[in-house]
C-alpha cells in the first residue's frame, strides 16, 4: 500500500488502464469525518469497500445457481 499526503481539496489523480480518476478529500462540519469526491469515467465503477464486497458475493452466489 502506498501512503500519499495531499491537502484538503487538492486532487489526487490515479491512472487506471489509461483512464484518469480524480479523488478529492473534503473537510466536513462533523469532527473527525472526511468526505471524498471521485471523478471517474462511467466505464470505471466506484464503490465503497463494503458495497464492492456485497456485489462480489452476490455475483459468486449467482454463479453457483
Protein backbone atom coordinates (compact mmCIF):
# COMPACT_ATOMS: atom_id res chain seq x y z
CA UNK A 1 0.00 0.00 0.00
CA UNK A 2 1.29 3.44 -0.89
CA UNK A 3 0.65 6.27 1.55
CA UNK A 4 0.34 9.70 -0.02
CA UNK A 5 -0.13 13.05 1.68
CA UNK A 6 -2.28 15.68 -0.03
CA UNK A 7 -4.09 18.67 1.37
CA UNK A 8 -7.85 19.01 1.60
CA UNK A 9 -9.43 19.88 -1.74
CA UNK A 10 -6.16 19.04 -3.51
CA UNK A 11 -6.94 16.49 -6.23
CA UNK A 12 -5.15 13.16 -6.40
CA UNK A 13 -5.14 11.69 -9.91
CA UNK A 14 -4.86 7.93 -10.42
CA UNK A 15 -4.34 6.35 -13.83
CA UNK A 16 -6.23 3.07 -14.33
CA UNK A 17 -5.63 1.35 -17.67
CA UNK A 18 -5.22 4.71 -19.39
CA UNK A 19 -8.24 6.34 -17.69
CA UNK A 20 -7.73 9.14 -15.18
CA UNK A 21 -9.59 9.04 -11.87
CA UNK A 22 -9.52 12.11 -9.63
CA UNK A 23 -10.09 11.80 -5.88
CA UNK A 24 -10.53 14.87 -3.66
CA UNK A 25 -10.83 14.88 0.15
CA UNK A 26 -13.15 17.44 1.77
CA UNK A 27 -13.43 18.50 5.40
CA UNK A 28 -16.87 18.19 6.96
CA UNK A 29 -18.57 20.03 9.79
CA UNK A 30 -18.58 16.80 11.83
CA UNK A 31 -15.34 16.45 13.79
CA UNK A 32 -13.17 13.58 12.55
CA UNK A 33 -15.10 13.00 9.31
CA UNK A 34 -13.83 13.36 5.77
CA UNK A 35 -15.78 13.10 2.52
CA UNK A 36 -14.28 12.05 -0.79
CA UNK A 37 -15.29 13.23 -4.22
CA UNK A 38 -14.48 10.84 -7.06
CA UNK A 39 -14.42 11.89 -10.71
CA UNK A 40 -14.09 8.83 -12.95
CA UNK A 41 -15.24 7.76 -16.40
CA UNK A 42 -18.51 5.84 -16.43
CA UNK A 43 -16.60 2.73 -17.54
CA UNK A 44 -14.96 2.59 -14.09
CA UNK A 45 -17.30 1.58 -11.28
CA UNK A 46 -16.68 3.31 -7.95
CA UNK A 47 -18.00 1.76 -4.70
CA UNK A 48 -17.25 1.85 -1.00
CA UNK A 49 -15.43 -1.31 0.04
CA UNK A 50 -18.39 -2.96 1.79
CA UNK A 51 -20.63 -2.36 -1.26
CA UNK A 52 -17.95 -3.79 -3.55
CA UNK A 53 -17.72 -6.94 -1.40
CA UNK A 54 -21.52 -7.31 -1.35
CA UNK A 55 -21.63 -7.09 -5.15
CA UNK A 56 -18.86 -9.69 -5.49
CA UNK A 57 -20.64 -12.01 -3.02
CA UNK A 58 -23.91 -11.71 -4.96
CA UNK A 59 -22.07 -12.46 -8.23
CA UNK A 60 -20.45 -15.51 -6.62
CA UNK A 61 -23.82 -16.77 -5.36
CA UNK A 62 -25.44 -16.33 -8.77
CA UNK A 63 -22.62 -18.34 -10.40
CA UNK A 64 -23.33 -21.33 -8.15
CA UNK A 65 -27.05 -21.44 -9.02
